[in-house]
Amino acid sequence: MDEIASSSKFQYNMTVTVNKRVNDISQVVQTNSDAVEQSVFTSKALSNQAAILNELINRFRIK
């Protein structure tokens, strides 16, 4: 009987540990997702600014 109780406790503890690790991974994935979204936003903003700068430079070219 003690062996069953000990095994059950061990299994419970391992389940808790696995659950914590899965939650940790989920947080990392969410953080990475947020970083990707910010990178996309920044990339689009820089691209737009580069296009505007290119248009301004073209106005000053000697033809």
N, C-alpha and C. Protein backbone atom coordinates (compact mmCIF):
# COMPACT_ATOMS: atom_id res chain seq x y z
N MET A 1 0.82 -1.19 0.00
CA MET A 1 0.00 0.00 0.00
C MET A 1 0.87 1.26 0.00
N ASP A 2 1.94 1.22 0.79
CA ASP A 2 2.84 2.37 0.85
C ASP A 2 3.49 2.64 -0.50
N GLU A 3 3.78 1.58 -1.23
CA GLU A 3 4.40 1.74 -2.55
C GLU A 3 3.45 2.45 -3.51
N ILE A 4 2.18 2.12 -3.45
CA ILE A 4 1.18 2.77 -4.30
C ILE A 4 1.05 4.24 -3.94
N ALA A 5 1.03 4.52 -2.64
CA ALA A 5 0.93 5.92 -2.19
C ALA A 5 2.17 6.70 -2.61
N SER A 6 3.32 6.10 -2.46
CA SER A 6 4.56 6.76 -2.84
C SER A 6 4.61 7.02 -4.35
N SER A 7 4.20 6.04 -5.12
CA SER A 7 4.17 6.20 -6.58
C SER A 7 3.17 7.26 -7.00
N SER A 8 2.04 7.29 -6.34
CA SER A 8 1.01 8.31 -6.65
C SER A 8 1.53 9.71 -6.34
N LYS A 9 2.21 9.84 -5.21
CA LYS A 9 2.78 11.14 -4.84
C LYS A 9 3.84 11.57 -5.85
N PHE A 10 4.70 10.62 -6.22
CA PHE A 10 5.74 10.91 -7.21
C PHE A 10 5.10 11.34 -8.54
N GLN A 11 4.10 10.62 -8.98
CA GLN A 11 3.42 10.94 -10.23
C GLN A 11 2.77 12.33 -10.16
N TYR A 12 2.17 12.63 -9.02
CA TYR A 12 1.57 13.96 -8.83
C TYR A 12 2.64 15.05 -8.92
N ASN A 13 3.74 14.84 -8.22
CA ASN A 13 4.82 15.83 -8.25
C ASN A 13 5.38 16.02 -9.65
N MET A 14 5.52 14.94 -10.39
CA MET A 14 6.02 15.05 -11.77
C MET A 14 5.01 15.78 -12.65
N THR A 15 3.74 15.53 -12.43
CA THR A 15 2.69 16.21 -13.19
C THR A 15 2.73 17.71 -12.92
N VAL A 16 2.90 18.09 -11.67
CA VAL A 16 3.01 19.50 -11.29
C VAL A 16 4.24 20.12 -11.96
N THR A 17 5.35 19.42 -11.95
CA THR A 17 6.58 19.92 -12.57
C THR A 17 6.39 20.10 -14.07
N VAL A 18 5.82 19.12 -14.73
CA VAL A 18 5.59 19.20 -16.17
C VAL A 18 4.65 20.36 -16.48
N ASN A 19 3.60 20.51 -15.68
CA ASN A 19 2.66 21.61 -15.88
C ASN A 19 3.36 22.96 -15.76
N LYS A 20 4.24 23.10 -14.77
CA LYS A 20 4.98 24.34 -14.60
C LYS A 20 5.87 24.61 -15.81
N ARG A 21 6.54 23.59 -16.28
CA ARG A 21 7.44 23.75 -17.44
C ARG A 21 6.65 24.13 -18.69
N VAL A 22 5.49 23.53 -18.87
CA VAL A 22 4.64 23.87 -20.02
C VAL A 22 4.19 25.33 -19.91
N ASN A 23 3.84 25.77 -18.71
CA ASN A 23 3.46 27.17 -18.51
C ASN A 23 4.64 28.10 -18.78
N ASP A 24 5.84 27.70 -18.36
CA ASP A 24 7.04 28.49 -18.64
C ASP A 24 7.26 28.63 -20.15
N ILE A 25 7.13 27.51 -20.85
CA ILE A 25 7.30 27.53 -22.32
C ILE A 25 6.23 28.41 -22.95
N SER A 26 5.03 28.32 -22.46
CA SER A 26 3.94 29.15 -22.99
C SER A 26 4.25 30.63 -22.82
N GLN A 27 4.80 31.00 -21.67
CA GLN A 27 5.16 32.41 -21.45
C GLN A 27 6.26 32.85 -22.40
N VAL A 28 7.24 31.99 -22.63
CA VAL A 28 8.32 32.33 -23.57
C VAL A 28 7.76 32.49 -24.98
N VAL A 29 6.87 31.60 -25.37
CA VAL A 29 6.26 31.69 -26.70
C VAL A 29 5.47 32.99 -26.83
N GLN A 30 4.74 33.36 -25.80
CA GLN A 30 3.98 34.61 -25.84
C GLN A 30 4.90 35.81 -25.93
N THR A 31 5.98 35.78 -25.16
CA THR A 31 6.96 36.87 -25.22
C THR A 31 7.57 36.98 -26.61
N ASN A 32 7.92 35.85 -27.19
CA ASN A 32 8.47 35.84 -28.55
C ASN A 32 7.46 36.35 -29.55
N SER A 33 6.21 35.97 -29.38
CA SER A 33 5.16 36.43 -30.28
C SER A 33 5.01 37.94 -30.21
N ASP A 34 5.04 38.47 -29.00
CA ASP A 34 4.95 39.92 -28.82
C ASP A 34 6.14 40.62 -29.48
N ALA A 35 7.31 40.04 -29.33
CA ALA A 35 8.52 40.63 -29.94
C ALA A 35 8.42 40.61 -31.46
N VAL A 36 7.89 39.54 -32.01
CA VAL A 36 7.73 39.45 -33.47
C VAL A 36 6.74 40.51 -33.95
N GLU A 37 5.64 40.66 -33.24
CA GLU A 37 4.66 41.68 -33.62
C GLU A 37 5.29 43.07 -33.59
N GLN A 38 6.07 43.36 -32.58
CA GLN A 38 6.74 44.66 -32.48
C GLN A 38 7.74 44.83 -33.61
N SER A 39 8.46 43.77 -33.95
CA SER A 39 9.43 43.82 -35.04
C SER A 39 8.74 44.09 -36.37
N VAL A 40 7.62 43.45 -36.59
CA VAL A 40 6.86 43.67 -37.83
C VAL A 40 6.39 45.12 -37.91
N PHE A 41 5.86 45.64 -36.82
CA PHE A 41 5.40 47.02 -36.78
C PHE A 41 6.55 47.97 -37.07
N THR A 42 7.69 47.75 -36.40
CA THR A 42 8.86 48.60 -36.59
C THR A 42 9.39 48.50 -38.02
N SER A 43 9.41 47.31 -38.56
CA SER A 43 9.87 47.11 -39.93
C SER A 43 9.00 47.86 -40.93
N LYS A 44 7.69 47.79 -40.74
CA LYS A 44 6.78 48.51 -41.63
C LYS A 44 6.97 50.01 -41.51
N ALA A 45 7.15 50.50 -40.29
CA ALA A 45 7.36 51.92 -40.07
C ALA A 45 8.67 52.38 -40.73
N LEU A 46 9.72 51.61 -40.57
CA LEU A 46 11.00 51.96 -41.20
C LEU A 46 10.90 51.92 -42.72
N SER A 47 10.18 50.95 -43.23
CA SER A 47 9.99 50.85 -44.68
C SER A 47 9.25 52.07 -45.21
N ASN A 48 8.21 52.49 -44.50
CA ASN A 48 7.48 53.69 -44.91
C ASN A 48 8.36 54.93 -44.84
N GLN A 49 9.16 55.04 -43.80
CA GLN A 49 10.05 56.19 -43.68
C GLN A 49 11.11 56.19 -44.77
N ALA A 50 11.60 55.02 -45.13
CA ALA A 50 12.59 54.91 -46.21
C ALA A 50 11.97 55.34 -47.54
N ALA A 51 10.72 54.96 -47.77
CA ALA A 51 10.04 55.36 -49.02
C ALA A 51 9.87 56.87 -49.07
N ILE A 52 9.49 57.47 -47.95
CA ILE A 52 9.33 58.93 -47.90
C ILE A 52 10.68 59.61 -48.13
N LEU A 53 11.72 59.13 -47.49
CA LEU A 53 13.05 59.69 -47.65
C LEU A 53 13.51 59.57 -49.10
N ASN A 54 13.23 58.44 -49.71
CA ASN A 54 13.59 58.23 -51.11
C ASN A 54 12.89 59.24 -52.01
N GLU A 55 11.62 59.50 -51.76
CA GLU A 55 10.88 60.50 -52.53
C GLU A 55 11.49 61.88 -52.35
N LEU A 56 11.85 62.23 -51.13
CA LEU A 56 12.46 63.53 -50.87
C LEU A 56 13.82 63.67 -51.56
N ILE A 57 14.60 62.62 -51.53
CA ILE A 57 15.91 62.64 -52.18
C ILE A 57 15.74 62.81 -53.69
N ASN A 58 14.76 62.15 -54.26
CA ASN A 58 14.53 62.24 -55.70
C ASN A 58 14.20 63.67 -56.12
N ARG A 59 13.65 64.46 -55.27
CA ARG A 59 13.33 65.86 -55.60
C ARG A 59 14.59 66.69 -55.78
N PHE A 60 15.67 66.30 -55.14
CA PHE A 60 16.90 67.08 -55.19
C PHE A 60 17.94 66.55 -56.18
N ARG A 61 17.60 65.56 -56.92
CA ARG A 61 18.55 65.01 -57.89
C ARG A 61 18.69 65.97 -59.07
N ILE A 62 19.91 66.09 -59.56
CA ILE A 62 20.17 66.92 -60.73
C ILE A 62 19.90 66.08 -61.96
N LYS A 63 19.09 66.67 -62.84
CA LYS A 63 18.72 65.93 -64.05
C LYS A 63 19.45 66.47 -65.26
